Amino acid sequence: MKQVNIEELERVCKPVVEYMKKNCSPHETIVITDEQFKIVADTIVIPVNGCES
């Protein structure tokens, strides 16, 4: 596995975080791959931790 350069990663991610703060809701996530980036929105989230079956 290639070693991660934290400083470089932080430098390139800061503008994305600023974009999200201005243009996205707290229910949206940006997924970045080597071929695309996409904004994904959660429609329904129900935590199941501690639920007994």
Protein backbone atom coordinates (compact mmCIF):
# COMPACT_ATOMS: atom_id res chain seq x y z
CA MET A 1 0.00 0.00 0.00
CA LYS A 2 1.33 3.41 -0.97
CA GLN A 3 2.09 5.76 1.95
CA VAL A 4 -0.34 8.67 2.28
CA ASN A 5 1.04 12.21 2.27
CA ILE A 6 -1.26 13.75 4.87
CA GLU A 7 -0.20 17.34 4.16
CA GLU A 8 -0.89 17.02 0.43
CA LEU A 9 -4.20 15.26 1.04
CA GLU A 10 -5.28 18.01 3.43
CA ARG A 11 -4.26 20.70 0.92
CA VAL A 12 -6.36 19.23 -1.89
CA CYS A 13 -9.36 18.39 0.34
CA LYS A 14 -9.79 21.81 1.95
CA PRO A 15 -11.40 23.38 -1.17
CA VAL A 16 -13.79 20.43 -1.43
CA VAL A 17 -14.82 20.86 2.22
CA GLU A 18 -15.40 24.58 1.64
CA TYR A 19 -17.49 23.78 -1.44
CA MET A 20 -19.61 21.34 0.58
CA LYS A 21 -20.14 23.88 3.37
CA LYS A 22 -21.46 26.41 0.84
CA ASN A 23 -23.39 24.13 -1.53
CA CYS A 24 -24.34 20.86 0.16
CA SER A 25 -26.56 19.73 3.00
CA PRO A 26 -25.35 17.75 6.02
CA HIS A 27 -26.99 14.70 4.41
CA GLU A 28 -24.68 14.72 1.38
CA THR A 29 -21.29 13.10 0.94
CA ILE A 30 -18.72 13.46 -1.84
CA VAL A 31 -17.20 10.21 -3.09
CA ILE A 32 -13.99 10.57 -5.10
CA THR A 33 -12.39 7.80 -7.15
CA ASP A 34 -9.74 7.84 -9.85
CA GLU A 35 -12.49 7.96 -12.50
CA GLN A 36 -15.22 10.21 -11.06
CA PHE A 37 -16.56 12.19 -8.19
CA LYS A 38 -20.16 12.20 -7.09
CA ILE A 39 -22.35 13.79 -4.47
CA VAL A 40 -24.44 11.16 -2.66
CA ALA A 41 -27.44 12.04 -0.50
CA ASP A 42 -28.80 9.94 2.34
CA THR A 43 -32.56 9.58 2.06
CA ILE A 44 -33.27 7.64 5.22
CA VAL A 45 -30.82 6.66 7.95
CA ILE A 46 -31.95 4.61 10.91
CA PRO A 47 -29.23 3.47 13.31
CA VAL A 48 -29.69 -0.12 14.44
CA ASN A 49 -27.01 -0.28 17.13
CA GLY A 50 -28.44 -1.80 20.26
CA CYS A 51 -31.60 -3.07 18.59
CA GLU A 52 -32.61 -6.52 19.72
CA SER A 53 -33.99 -8.99 17.20
